[in-house]
């Protein structure tokens, strides 16, 4: 009881904002940029929070910051608290009679790059007076935000049972991993194999992500290893530019480059993905009432996928 009282007395909003930013960005450096802080200042705040909590919330290493089990549990509460404060602030502002409806959705970064633009265009044809707020997130942060009520609808990956508690999942498709390059890439003039593709620089998702797990399994199946020249990033916009403009081989979830392949902006290498793929679907809170806008969006997603 005394420890909990001290925790409640000492914790500040900056601790929660810092924690959620690191969980969302995956590294202390990117989180510091988002919060406009120096990295030492951010590290100090994070250390204070872990000291108050009496537990490590992140495992920090060369490849970034990964949530511990305690961190995963705390993330849900942190997101809920910040969301409640946001709602409280909004309640103090006068609401105009003709303010548009607001629909908040959380999606994977690959979904935002791939299927989401056409879905939003079709959605606004039916709901022209709806403000859609889109957050692009790592899957664990997306699920925590949904459980906390920060988003009405999410498009994300199926996760472990404990992460899906309180959520309803509707499968859309299995997302495979593709290797893509620009159409003028010198690699395409040769007989393409995975080992030959790895003679070129690679851009790939960071360790701990679903696309990276599939990529590592693929490499193991073929007895290959990544080259020395590698860019690890969760920023799909950066990865896409490296593949479009230079000679990088991009390991990318299929949904993110559907339009690029359709319009021949990128070319897929004839290298088979490992396994059936990762399940991607619509996720909502179990039992939570949905707004009219959310229902229209979900119907648009289903129609877009089936079409």
C-alpha atoms as a PDB file:
ATOM      1  CA  UNK A   1       0.000   0.000   0.000  1.00  0.00           C
ATOM      2  CA  UNK A   2       2.805   2.436   0.942  1.00  0.00           C
ATOM      3  CA  UNK A   3       4.687   1.734  -2.318  1.00  0.00           C
ATOM      4  CA  UNK A   4       1.531   2.368  -4.363  1.00  0.00           C
ATOM      5  CA  UNK A   5       0.894   5.633  -2.479  1.00  0.00           C
ATOM      6  CA  UNK A   6       4.437   6.860  -3.162  1.00  0.00           C
ATOM      7  CA  UNK A   7       4.126   5.904  -6.834  1.00  0.00           C
ATOM      8  CA  UNK A   8       0.889   7.893  -7.159  1.00  0.00           C
ATOM      9  CA  UNK A   9       2.426  10.896  -5.417  1.00  0.00           C
ATOM     10  CA  UNK A  10       5.621  10.997  -7.484  1.00  0.00           C
ATOM     11  CA  UNK A  11       4.513  10.089 -11.015  1.00  0.00           C
ATOM     12  CA  UNK A  12       4.038  12.961 -13.480  1.00  0.00           C
ATOM     13  CA  UNK A  13       2.556  13.256 -16.939  1.00  0.00           C
ATOM     14  CA  UNK A  14       6.044  13.570 -18.436  1.00  0.00           C
ATOM     15  CA  UNK A  15       6.778  10.030 -17.230  1.00  0.00           C
ATOM     16  CA  UNK A  16       3.716   8.680 -19.065  1.00  0.00           C
ATOM     17  CA  UNK A  17       4.372  10.673 -22.241  1.00  0.00           C
ATOM     18  CA  UNK A  18       7.983   9.479 -22.281  1.00  0.00           C
ATOM     19  CA  UNK A  19       7.049   5.851 -21.659  1.00  0.00           C
ATOM     20  CA  UNK A  20       4.391   5.749 -24.391  1.00  0.00           C
ATOM     21  CA  UNK A  21       6.657   7.548 -26.877  1.00  0.00           C
ATOM     22  CA  UNK A  22       9.469   5.023 -26.374  1.00  0.00           C
ATOM     23  CA  UNK A  23       7.012   2.109 -26.668  1.00  0.00           C
ATOM     24  CA  UNK A  24       5.605   3.565 -29.881  1.00  0.00           C
ATOM     25  CA  UNK A  25       8.876   4.612 -31.524  1.00  0.00           C
ATOM     26  CA  UNK A  26      10.949   1.592 -30.519  1.00  0.00           C
ATOM     27  CA  UNK A  27      14.116   3.564 -29.728  1.00  0.00           C
ATOM     28  CA  UNK A  28      15.035   6.274 -27.233  1.00  0.00           C
ATOM     29  CA  UNK A  29      16.504   8.408 -30.006  1.00  0.00           C
ATOM     30  CA  UNK A  30      13.303   8.547 -32.088  1.00  0.00           C
ATOM     31  CA  UNK A  31      11.172   9.083 -28.966  1.00  0.00           C
ATOM     32  CA  UNK A  32      13.390  11.999 -27.935  1.00  0.00           C
ATOM     33  CA  UNK A  33      12.910  13.588 -31.367  1.00  0.00           C
ATOM     34  CA  UNK A  34       9.123  13.199 -31.176  1.00  0.00           C
ATOM     35  CA  UNK A  35       9.017  14.791 -27.698  1.00  0.00           C
ATOM     36  CA  UNK A  36      11.606  17.473 -28.594  1.00  0.00           C
ATOM     37  CA  UNK A  37      13.856  16.324 -25.761  1.00  0.00           C
ATOM     38  CA  UNK A  38      17.521  15.479 -25.548  1.00  0.00           C
ATOM     39  CA  UNK A  39      18.183  11.764 -25.254  1.00  0.00           C
ATOM     40  CA  UNK A  40      19.877  12.129 -21.831  1.00  0.00           C
ATOM     41  CA  UNK A  41      16.800  13.982 -20.517  1.00  0.00           C
ATOM     42  CA  UNK A  42      14.500  11.281 -21.880  1.00  0.00           C
ATOM     43  CA  UNK A  43      16.669   8.513 -20.384  1.00  0.00           C
ATOM     44  CA  UNK A  44      16.591  10.244 -17.005  1.00  0.00           C
ATOM     45  CA  UNK A  45      12.783  10.438 -17.059  1.00  0.00           C
ATOM     46  CA  UNK A  46      12.513   6.793 -18.076  1.00  0.00           C
ATOM     47  CA  UNK A  47      14.906   5.746 -15.318  1.00  0.00           C
ATOM     48  CA  UNK A  48      12.829   7.689 -12.792  1.00  0.00           C
ATOM     49  CA  UNK A  49       9.687   5.865 -13.915  1.00  0.00           C
ATOM     50  CA  UNK A  50      11.330   2.440 -13.682  1.00  0.00           C
ATOM     51  CA  UNK A  51      12.661   3.307 -10.216  1.00  0.00           C
ATOM     52  CA  UNK A  52       9.184   4.320  -9.069  1.00  0.00           C
ATOM     53  CA  UNK A  53       7.658   1.201 -10.622  1.00  0.00           C
ATOM     54  CA  UNK A  54      10.286  -1.041  -9.086  1.00  0.00           C
ATOM     55  CA  UNK A  55      10.600  -2.933 -12.379  1.00  0.00           C
ATOM     56  CA  UNK A  56      12.296  -2.694 -15.745  1.00  0.00           C
ATOM     57  CA  UNK A  57       9.775  -1.575 -18.352  1.00  0.00           C
ATOM     58  CA  UNK A  58      12.105  -1.885 -21.352  1.00  0.00           C
ATOM     59  CA  UNK A  59      14.994  -4.062 -22.385  1.00  0.00           C
ATOM     60  CA  UNK A  60      17.371  -1.598 -24.010  1.00  0.00           C
ATOM     61  CA  UNK A  61      20.006  -2.785 -26.431  1.00  0.00           C
ATOM     62  CA  UNK A  62      21.751  -2.182 -29.718  1.00  0.00           C
ATOM     63  CA  UNK A  63      18.550  -2.607 -31.727  1.00  0.00           C
ATOM     64  CA  UNK A  64      16.289  -0.407 -29.618  1.00  0.00           C
ATOM     65  CA  UNK A  65      13.944  -0.638 -26.644  1.00  0.00           C
ATOM     66  CA  UNK A  66      11.659  -3.675 -26.297  1.00  0.00           C
ATOM     67  CA  UNK A  67       8.822  -3.735 -23.754  1.00  0.00           C
ATOM     68  CA  UNK A  68       9.195  -6.218 -20.904  1.00  0.00           C
ATOM     69  CA  UNK A  69       6.174  -8.118 -19.560  1.00  0.00           C
ATOM     70  CA  UNK A  70       5.759  -5.434 -16.892  1.00  0.00           C
ATOM     71  CA  UNK A  71       6.051  -2.796 -19.618  1.00  0.00           C
ATOM     72  CA  UNK A  72       3.330  -4.431 -21.724  1.00  0.00           C
ATOM     73  CA  UNK A  73       1.001  -4.403 -18.702  1.00  0.00           C
ATOM     74  CA  UNK A  74       1.794  -0.787 -17.812  1.00  0.00           C
ATOM     75  CA  UNK A  75       1.359   0.375 -21.420  1.00  0.00           C
ATOM     76  CA  UNK A  76      -2.385  -0.303 -21.396  1.00  0.00           C
ATOM     77  CA  UNK A  77      -2.862   1.838 -18.276  1.00  0.00           C
ATOM     78  CA  UNK A  78      -0.592   4.639 -19.500  1.00  0.00           C
ATOM     79  CA  UNK A  79      -2.452   4.944 -22.803  1.00  0.00           C
ATOM     80  CA  UNK A  80      -5.808   4.908 -20.987  1.00  0.00           C
ATOM     81  CA  UNK A  81      -4.725   7.705 -18.617  1.00  0.00           C
ATOM     82  CA  UNK A  82      -3.437   9.953 -21.411  1.00  0.00           C
ATOM     83  CA  UNK A  83      -6.567   9.309 -23.455  1.00  0.00           C
ATOM     84  CA  UNK A  84      -8.812  10.182 -20.508  1.00  0.00           C
ATOM     85  CA  UNK A  85      -6.941  13.455 -20.021  1.00  0.00           C
ATOM     86  CA  UNK A  86      -7.332  14.239 -23.714  1.00  0.00           C
ATOM     87  CA  UNK A  87     -11.086  13.662 -23.466  1.00  0.00           C
ATOM     88  CA  UNK A  88     -11.242  15.819 -20.343  1.00  0.00           C
ATOM     89  CA  UNK A  89      -9.543  18.681 -22.175  1.00  0.00           C
ATOM     90  CA  UNK A  90     -11.902  18.348 -25.124  1.00  0.00           C
ATOM     91  CA  UNK A  91     -14.917  18.460 -22.796  1.00  0.00           C
ATOM     92  CA  UNK A  92     -13.888  21.940 -21.648  1.00  0.00           C
ATOM     93  CA  UNK A  93     -14.018  23.331 -25.186  1.00  0.00           C
ATOM     94  CA  UNK A  94     -17.343  24.577 -26.571  1.00  0.00           C
ATOM     95  CA  UNK A  95     -18.684  22.294 -29.271  1.00  0.00           C
ATOM     96  CA  UNK A  96     -20.023  23.999 -32.384  1.00  0.00           C
ATOM     97  CA  UNK A  97     -23.357  22.775 -33.653  1.00  0.00           C
ATOM     98  CA  UNK A  98     -21.898  21.750 -36.986  1.00  0.00           C
ATOM     99  CA  UNK A  99     -18.622  20.215 -35.802  1.00  0.00           C
ATOM    100  CA  UNK A 100     -17.821  17.103 -37.843  1.00  0.00           C
ATOM    101  CA  UNK A 101     -17.888  13.648 -36.320  1.00  0.00           C
ATOM    102  CA  UNK A 102     -14.476  12.384 -35.203  1.00  0.00           C
ATOM    103  CA  UNK A 103     -13.321   8.835 -35.897  1.00  0.00           C
ATOM    104  CA  UNK A 104     -10.015   7.726 -34.406  1.00  0.00           C
ATOM    105  CA  UNK A 105      -8.299   4.705 -35.895  1.00  0.00           C
ATOM    106  CA  UNK A 106      -4.979   2.972 -35.277  1.00  0.00           C
ATOM    107  CA  UNK A 107      -3.176   1.118 -38.060  1.00  0.00           C
ATOM    108  CA  UNK A 108       0.115  -0.570 -38.782  1.00  0.00           C
ATOM    109  CA  UNK A 109       2.577   1.580 -40.715  1.00  0.00           C
ATOM    110  CA  UNK A 110       2.493  -0.888 -43.613  1.00  0.00           C
ATOM    111  CA  UNK A 111      -1.310  -0.615 -43.748  1.00  0.00           C
ATOM    112  CA  UNK A 112      -1.095   3.182 -43.825  1.00  0.00           C
ATOM    113  CA  UNK A 113       1.257   2.987 -46.786  1.00  0.00           C
ATOM    114  CA  UNK A 114      -0.670   0.282 -48.606  1.00  0.00           C
ATOM    115  CA  UNK A 115      -4.426  -0.220 -48.342  1.00  0.00           C
ATOM    116  CA  UNK A 116      -5.523   2.749 -46.197  1.00  0.00           C
ATOM    117  CA  UNK A 117      -5.447   5.662 -48.706  1.00  0.00           C
ATOM    118  CA  UNK A 118      -8.003   4.090 -51.062  1.00  0.00           C
ATOM    119  CA  UNK A 119     -10.165   3.029 -48.103  1.00  0.00           C
ATOM    120  CA  UNK A 120     -10.267   6.577 -46.719  1.00  0.00           C
ATOM    121  CA  UNK A 121     -11.170   8.015 -50.120  1.00  0.00           C
ATOM    122  CA  UNK A 122     -14.121   5.628 -50.433  1.00  0.00           C
ATOM    123  CA  UNK A 123     -15.118   6.231 -46.820  1.00  0.00           C
ATOM    124  CA  UNK A 124     -15.295  10.023 -47.271  1.00  0.00           C
ATOM    125  CA  UNK A 125     -17.524   9.597 -50.300  1.00  0.00           C
ATOM    126  CA  UNK A 126     -20.085   8.172 -47.850  1.00  0.00           C
ATOM    127  CA  UNK A 127     -19.154  10.202 -44.756  1.00  0.00           C
ATOM    128  CA  UNK A 128     -17.985  13.627 -46.013  1.00  0.00           C
ATOM    129  CA  UNK A 129     -18.403  15.307 -42.622  1.00  0.00           C
ATOM    130  CA  UNK A 130     -16.172  12.990 -40.606  1.00  0.00           C
ATOM    131  CA  UNK A 131     -12.764  13.938 -39.278  1.00  0.00           C
ATOM    132  CA  UNK A 132     -10.610  10.799 -39.378  1.00  0.00           C
ATOM    133  CA  UNK A 133      -7.630  10.809 -37.018  1.00  0.00           C
ATOM    134  CA  UNK A 134      -5.096   8.151 -38.018  1.00  0.00           C
ATOM    135  CA  UNK A 135      -2.290   6.917 -35.777  1.00  0.00           C
ATOM    136  CA  UNK A 136       0.364   4.659 -37.315  1.00  0.00           C
ATOM    137  CA  UNK A 137       1.772   2.391 -34.634  1.00  0.00           C
ATOM    138  CA  UNK A 138       3.695  -0.737 -33.766  1.00  0.00           C
ATOM    139  CA  UNK A 139       1.274  -3.605 -33.179  1.00  0.00           C
ATOM    140  CA  UNK A 140       1.692  -3.828 -29.385  1.00  0.00           C
ATOM    141  CA  UNK A 141       0.991  -0.094 -28.956  1.00  0.00           C
ATOM    142  CA  UNK A 142      -1.956  -0.358 -31.352  1.00  0.00           C
ATOM    143  CA  UNK A 143      -3.531  -3.167 -29.311  1.00  0.00           C
ATOM    144  CA  UNK A 144      -2.971  -1.301 -26.040  1.00  0.00           C
ATOM    145  CA  UNK A 145      -4.602   1.802 -27.511  1.00  0.00           C
ATOM    146  CA  UNK A 146      -7.627  -0.192 -28.629  1.00  0.00           C
ATOM    147  CA  UNK A 147      -8.035  -1.811 -25.215  1.00  0.00           C
ATOM    148  CA  UNK A 148      -7.815   1.619 -23.579  1.00  0.00           C
ATOM    149  CA  UNK A 149     -10.446   3.071 -25.911  1.00  0.00           C
ATOM    150  CA  UNK A 150      -8.021   5.438 -27.634  1.00  0.00           C
ATOM    151  CA  UNK A 151      -9.204   4.146 -31.033  1.00  0.00           C
ATOM    152  CA  UNK A 152     -12.566   2.851 -32.188  1.00  0.00           C
ATOM    153  CA  UNK A 153     -11.133   0.704 -34.961  1.00  0.00           C
ATOM    154  CA  UNK A 154      -7.730  -0.785 -35.596  1.00  0.00           C
ATOM    155  CA  UNK A 155      -6.115  -2.658 -38.460  1.00  0.00           C
ATOM    156  CA  UNK A 156      -3.396  -4.816 -37.022  1.00  0.00           C
ATOM    157  CA  UNK A 157      -1.914  -8.249 -36.554  1.00  0.00           C
ATOM    158  CA  UNK A 158      -3.118 -11.097 -34.393  1.00  0.00           C
ATOM    159  CA  UNK A 159      -0.978 -11.345 -31.250  1.00  0.00           C
ATOM    160  CA  UNK A 160      -0.544 -13.623 -28.250  1.00  0.00           C
ATOM    161  CA  UNK A 161      -3.718 -14.453 -26.311  1.00  0.00           C
ATOM    162  CA  UNK A 162      -3.001 -12.103 -23.402  1.00  0.00           C
ATOM    163  CA  UNK A 163      -2.485  -9.183 -25.808  1.00  0.00           C
ATOM    164  CA  UNK A 164      -5.865  -9.846 -27.476  1.00  0.00           C
ATOM    165  CA  UNK A 165      -7.862  -9.946 -24.229  1.00  0.00           C
ATOM    166  CA  UNK A 166     -10.894  -7.668 -24.501  1.00  0.00           C
ATOM    167  CA  UNK A 167     -10.541  -7.321 -28.260  1.00  0.00           C
ATOM    168  CA  UNK A 168     -12.493  -8.722 -31.204  1.00  0.00           C
ATOM    169  CA  UNK A 169     -10.511  -9.728 -34.268  1.00  0.00           C
ATOM    170  CA  UNK A 170     -11.796 -10.168 -37.829  1.00  0.00           C
ATOM    171  CA  UNK A 171      -9.324 -11.640 -40.307  1.00  0.00           C
ATOM    172  CA  UNK A 172      -8.825  -9.729 -43.561  1.00  0.00           C
ATOM    173  CA  UNK A 173      -5.836 -11.469 -45.143  1.00  0.00           C
ATOM    174  CA  UNK A 174      -2.544 -13.217 -44.498  1.00  0.00           C
ATOM    175  CA  UNK A 175       0.305 -10.800 -45.146  1.00  0.00           C
ATOM    176  CA  UNK A 176       3.331 -12.404 -46.754  1.00  0.00           C
ATOM    177  CA  UNK A 177       6.804 -10.947 -47.036  1.00  0.00           C
ATOM    178  CA  UNK A 178       8.079  -9.806 -50.427  1.00  0.00           C
ATOM    179  CA  UNK A 179      11.510  -8.763 -51.639  1.00  0.00           C
ATOM    180  CA  UNK A 180      11.211  -5.748 -53.936  1.00  0.00           C
ATOM    181  CA  UNK A 181      13.578  -3.503 -55.899  1.00  0.00           C
ATOM    182  CA  UNK A 182      13.267  -0.686 -58.417  1.00  0.00           C
ATOM    183  CA  UNK A 183      12.429  -1.946 -61.944  1.00  0.00           C
ATOM    184  CA  UNK A 184      15.856  -0.831 -63.247  1.00  0.00           C
ATOM    185  CA  UNK A 185      17.784  -2.708 -60.557  1.00  0.00           C
ATOM    186  CA  UNK A 186      20.806  -4.584 -62.008  1.00  0.00           C
ATOM    187  CA  UNK A 187      19.755  -7.665 -60.066  1.00  0.00           C
ATOM    188  CA  UNK A 188      16.793  -8.193 -62.418  1.00  0.00           C
ATOM    189  CA  UNK A 189      19.074  -8.810 -65.379  1.00  0.00           C
ATOM    190  CA  UNK A 190      20.360 -11.998 -63.747  1.00  0.00           C
ATOM    191  CA  UNK A 191      18.870 -15.291 -62.567  1.00  0.00           C
ATOM    192  CA  UNK A 192      17.446 -14.096 -59.241  1.00  0.00           C
ATOM    193  CA  UNK A 193      18.000 -16.117 -56.069  1.00  0.00           C
ATOM    194  CA  UNK A 194      17.920 -15.049 -52.445  1.00  0.00           C
ATOM    195  CA  UNK A 195      21.678 -15.459 -52.086  1.00  0.00           C
ATOM    196  CA  UNK A 196      22.282 -13.217 -55.115  1.00  0.00           C
ATOM    197  CA  UNK A 197      19.816 -10.646 -53.812  1.00  0.00           C
ATOM    198  CA  UNK A 198      21.835 -10.474 -50.604  1.00  0.00           C
ATOM    199  CA  UNK A 199      24.871  -9.296 -52.530  1.00  0.00           C
ATOM    200  CA  UNK A 200      23.101  -5.916 -52.562  1.00  0.00           C
ATOM    201  CA  UNK A 201      22.327  -3.601 -49.613  1.00  0.00           C
ATOM    202  CA  UNK A 202      19.147  -4.481 -47.726  1.00  0.00           C
ATOM    203  CA  UNK A 203      16.455  -2.464 -45.953  1.00  0.00           C
ATOM    204  CA  UNK A 204      14.523  -4.480 -43.385  1.00  0.00           C
ATOM    205  CA  UNK A 205      12.306  -4.140 -40.293  1.00  0.00           C
ATOM    206  CA  UNK A 206      13.963  -4.105 -36.843  1.00  0.00           C
ATOM    207  CA  UNK A 207      14.332  -7.238 -34.736  1.00  0.00           C
ATOM    208  CA  UNK A 208      11.270  -8.055 -32.631  1.00  0.00           C
ATOM    209  CA  UNK A 209       8.777  -7.114 -35.368  1.00  0.00           C
ATOM    210  CA  UNK A 210       6.608  -9.621 -37.236  1.00  0.00           C
ATOM    211  CA  UNK A 211       8.116  -8.841 -40.685  1.00  0.00           C
ATOM    212  CA  UNK A 212      11.616  -9.355 -39.272  1.00  0.00           C
ATOM    213  CA  UNK A 213      10.679 -12.720 -37.753  1.00  0.00           C
ATOM    214  CA  UNK A 214       9.451 -13.902 -41.161  1.00  0.00           C
ATOM    215  CA  UNK A 215      12.578 -12.550 -42.844  1.00  0.00           C
ATOM    216  CA  UNK A 216      14.870 -14.303 -40.358  1.00  0.00           C
ATOM    217  CA  UNK A 217      13.011 -17.590 -40.886  1.00  0.00           C
ATOM    218  CA  UNK A 218      13.333 -17.170 -44.659  1.00  0.00           C
ATOM    219  CA  UNK A 219      17.065 -16.552 -44.389  1.00  0.00           C
ATOM    220  CA  UNK A 220      17.479 -19.593 -42.151  1.00  0.00           C
ATOM    221  CA  UNK A 221      15.521 -21.792 -44.592  1.00  0.00           C
ATOM    222  CA  UNK A 222      17.846 -20.789 -47.423  1.00  0.00           C
ATOM    223  CA  UNK A 223      21.031 -20.954 -45.364  1.00  0.00           C
ATOM    224  CA  UNK A 224      21.670 -17.244 -45.957  1.00  0.00           C
ATOM    225  CA  UNK A 225      22.607 -14.278 -43.805  1.00  0.00           C
ATOM    226  CA  UNK A 226      22.082 -10.552 -44.192  1.00  0.00           C
ATOM    227  CA  UNK A 227      24.867  -8.551 -45.868  1.00  0.00           C
ATOM    228  CA  UNK A 228      26.931  -6.036 -43.929  1.00  0.00           C
ATOM    229  CA  UNK A 229      25.154  -3.150 -45.663  1.00  0.00           C
ATOM    230  CA  UNK A 230      21.763  -3.110 -43.918  1.00  0.00           C
ATOM    231  CA  UNK A 231      19.294  -0.391 -42.946  1.00  0.00           C
ATOM    232  CA  UNK A 232      16.949  -1.451 -40.124  1.00  0.00           C
ATOM    233  CA  UNK A 233      13.891   0.787 -39.859  1.00  0.00           C
ATOM    234  CA  UNK A 234      10.186   0.771 -39.068  1.00  0.00           C
ATOM    235  CA  UNK A 235       9.743   3.892 -41.207  1.00  0.00           C
ATOM    236  CA  UNK A 236       8.115   2.503 -44.350  1.00  0.00           C
ATOM    237  CA  UNK A 237       8.388   5.861 -46.122  1.00  0.00           C
ATOM    238  CA  UNK A 238      12.175   5.808 -45.715  1.00  0.00           C
ATOM    239  CA  UNK A 239      12.424   2.150 -46.744  1.00  0.00           C
ATOM    240  CA  UNK A 240      10.289   2.811 -49.813  1.00  0.00           C
ATOM    241  CA  UNK A 241      12.509   5.702 -50.944  1.00  0.00           C
ATOM    242  CA  UNK A 242      15.632   3.574 -50.556  1.00  0.00           C
ATOM    243  CA  UNK A 243      14.076   0.890 -52.770  1.00  0.00           C
ATOM    244  CA  UNK A 244      12.598   3.326 -55.321  1.00  0.00           C
ATOM    245  CA  UNK A 245      15.675   5.491 -55.826  1.00  0.00           C
ATOM    246  CA  UNK A 246      18.643   3.292 -55.037  1.00  0.00           C
ATOM    247  CA  UNK A 247      19.774  -0.339 -55.256  1.00  0.00           C
ATOM    248  CA  UNK A 248      18.430  -1.522 -51.905  1.00  0.00           C
ATOM    249  CA  UNK A 249      16.553  -4.817 -51.673  1.00  0.00           C
ATOM    250  CA  UNK A 250      13.510  -4.199 -49.465  1.00  0.00           C
ATOM    251  CA  UNK A 251      12.052  -6.964 -47.276  1.00  0.00           C
ATOM    252  CA  UNK A 252       8.489  -5.657 -46.994  1.00  0.00           C
ATOM    253  CA  UNK A 253       5.006  -6.946 -46.041  1.00  0.00           C
ATOM    254  CA  UNK A 254       2.977  -7.490 -49.193  1.00  0.00           C
ATOM    255  CA  UNK A 255       0.176  -5.102 -48.259  1.00  0.00           C
ATOM    256  CA  UNK A 256       2.490  -2.107 -48.181  1.00  0.00           C
ATOM    257  CA  UNK A 257       3.554  -2.346 -51.813  1.00  0.00           C
ATOM    258  CA  UNK A 258       0.391  -3.576 -53.538  1.00  0.00           C
ATOM    259  CA  UNK A 259      -0.090  -0.328 -55.501  1.00  0.00           C
ATOM    260  CA  UNK A 260       3.627   0.019 -56.253  1.00  0.00           C
ATOM    261  CA  UNK A 261       3.634  -3.428 -57.849  1.00  0.00           C
ATOM    262  CA  UNK A 262       0.375  -2.751 -59.699  1.00  0.00           C
ATOM    263  CA  UNK A 263       1.798   0.431 -61.253  1.00  0.00           C
ATOM    264  CA  UNK A 264       5.269  -1.058 -61.812  1.00  0.00           C
ATOM    265  CA  UNK A 265       6.928   1.433 -59.479  1.00  0.00           C
ATOM    266  CA  UNK A 266       8.627  -1.521 -57.775  1.00  0.00           C
ATOM    267  CA  UNK A 267       9.373  -5.054 -58.936  1.00  0.00           C
ATOM    268  CA  UNK A 268       9.009  -8.160 -56.771  1.00  0.00           C
ATOM    269  CA  UNK A 269      11.805 -10.704 -56.798  1.00  0.00           C
ATOM    270  CA  UNK A 270      10.774 -14.333 -57.412  1.00  0.00           C
ATOM    271  CA  UNK A 271      11.754 -15.429 -53.913  1.00  0.00           C
ATOM    272  CA  UNK A 272       9.150 -17.358 -51.918  1.00  0.00           C
ATOM    273  CA  UNK A 273       8.124 -16.037 -48.499  1.00  0.00           C
ATOM    274  CA  UNK A 274       8.406 -18.212 -45.404  1.00  0.00           C
ATOM    275  CA  UNK A 275       5.147 -19.779 -44.174  1.00  0.00           C
ATOM    276  CA  UNK A 276       1.569 -18.700 -44.902  1.00  0.00           C
ATOM    277  CA  UNK A 277       2.058 -15.143 -43.676  1.00  0.00           C
ATOM    278  CA  UNK A 278       0.979 -12.998 -40.729  1.00  0.00           C
ATOM    279  CA  UNK A 279      -2.781 -12.547 -40.128  1.00  0.00           C
ATOM    280  CA  UNK A 280      -3.922  -8.924 -40.506  1.00  0.00           C
ATOM    281  CA  UNK A 281      -7.447  -7.917 -39.591  1.00  0.00           C
ATOM    282  CA  UNK A 282      -9.948  -5.429 -38.186  1.00  0.00           C
ATOM    283  CA  UNK A 283      -9.736  -5.103 -34.415  1.00  0.00           C
ATOM    284  CA  UNK A 284     -12.276  -3.495 -32.075  1.00  0.00           C
ATOM    285  CA  UNK A 285     -13.016  -3.557 -28.363  1.00  0.00           C
ATOM    286  CA  UNK A 286     -15.297  -6.439 -27.440  1.00  0.00           C
ATOM    287  CA  UNK A 287     -18.764  -5.199 -26.473  1.00  0.00           C
ATOM    288  CA  UNK A 288     -17.987  -1.524 -27.119  1.00  0.00           C
ATOM    289  CA  UNK A 289     -20.710   0.311 -29.097  1.00  0.00           C
ATOM    290  CA  UNK A 290     -19.516   1.550 -32.478  1.00  0.00           C
ATOM    291  CA  UNK A 291     -20.331   4.917 -33.989  1.00  0.00           C
ATOM    292  CA  UNK A 292     -21.998   5.150 -37.379  1.00  0.00           C
ATOM    293  CA  UNK A 293     -18.684   6.339 -38.852  1.00  0.00           C
ATOM    294  CA  UNK A 294     -16.846   3.308 -37.449  1.00  0.00           C
ATOM    295  CA  UNK A 295     -19.420   0.930 -38.914  1.00  0.00           C
ATOM    296  CA  UNK A 296     -19.152   2.601 -42.346  1.00  0.00           C
ATOM    297  CA  UNK A 297     -15.363   2.435 -42.201  1.00  0.00           C
ATOM    298  CA  UNK A 298     -15.396  -1.270 -41.328  1.00  0.00           C
ATOM    299  CA  UNK A 299     -17.819  -1.987 -44.160  1.00  0.00           C
ATOM    300  CA  UNK A 300     -15.568  -0.038 -46.531  1.00  0.00           C
ATOM    301  CA  UNK A 301     -12.530  -2.046 -45.395  1.00  0.00           C
ATOM    302  CA  UNK A 302     -14.332  -5.341 -45.972  1.00  0.00           C
ATOM    303  CA  UNK A 303     -15.604  -4.289 -49.393  1.00  0.00           C
ATOM    304  CA  UNK A 304     -12.170  -2.992 -50.425  1.00  0.00           C
ATOM    305  CA  UNK A 305     -10.536  -6.254 -49.436  1.00  0.00           C
ATOM    306  CA  UNK A 306     -13.161  -8.525 -51.005  1.00  0.00           C
ATOM    307  CA  UNK A 307     -13.072  -6.436 -54.183  1.00  0.00           C
END
